[in-house]
Protein backbone atom coordinates (compact mmCIF):
# COMPACT_ATOMS: atom_id res chain seq x y z
CA MET A 1 0.31 0.26 0.20
CA ARG A 2 2.68 2.63 0.40
CA GLU A 3 4.23 1.75 -3.20
CA SER A 4 0.97 3.52 -4.63
CA ASN A 5 0.82 6.35 -2.17
CA PHE A 6 4.42 7.25 -3.30
CA TRP A 7 3.30 7.04 -6.97
CA TYR A 8 0.01 8.55 -6.55
CA TYR A 9 1.69 11.86 -4.58
CA THR A 10 4.19 11.31 -6.95
CA ILE A 11 1.76 11.95 -10.50
CA MET A 12 -0.36 14.80 -8.10
CA ILE A 13 3.00 16.77 -7.61
CA ILE A 14 3.77 16.34 -11.19
CA VAL A 15 0.18 17.72 -12.72
CA ILE A 16 0.28 20.51 -10.12
CA ALA A 17 3.33 21.33 -11.26
CA HIS A 18 3.41 21.69 -14.51
CA PHE A 19 -0.32 23.77 -13.65
CA VAL A 20 2.19 25.86 -12.18
CA ILE A 21 4.74 26.42 -14.31
CA GLY A 22 2.07 26.61 -17.37
CA PHE A 23 -0.16 29.64 -15.43
CA GLY A 24 3.71 31.33 -14.91
CA TYR A 25 5.01 30.83 -18.71
CA LEU A 26 1.15 32.46 -19.70
CA ILE A 27 1.60 35.21 -17.31
CA TYR A 28 5.23 35.93 -18.47
CA LYS A 29 4.24 36.14 -22.10
CA LEU A 30 0.85 38.20 -21.79
CA SER A 31 2.62 40.81 -19.51
CA PRO A 32 3.38 44.07 -20.92
CA LYS A 33 7.41 44.52 -21.93
CA LYS A 34 9.68 48.07 -22.13
CA GLY A 35 9.77 47.74 -25.90
CA ASP A 36 5.99 47.41 -26.65
CA LYS A 37 5.52 50.82 -26.00
CA LYS A 38 7.99 52.64 -27.19
CA ASN A 39 6.80 50.82 -30.65
CA LYS A 40 2.79 51.50 -29.78
CA ASN A 41 3.78 55.12 -29.18
CA GLU A 42 5.98 55.12 -32.63
C-alpha cells in the first residue's frame, strides 16, 4: 500500500507543477514589455 501512495503523490506533484509552470509562462508571455510601449507610440 505504501508504494501506491508514493506513485499517487508523485503523479499529483507532477500535475500540479505542470499547471503552476503553465500559468507562470502564460503570465510571462501576456505581460507588457518595455519595448512594446515604444513601438505603440511610434
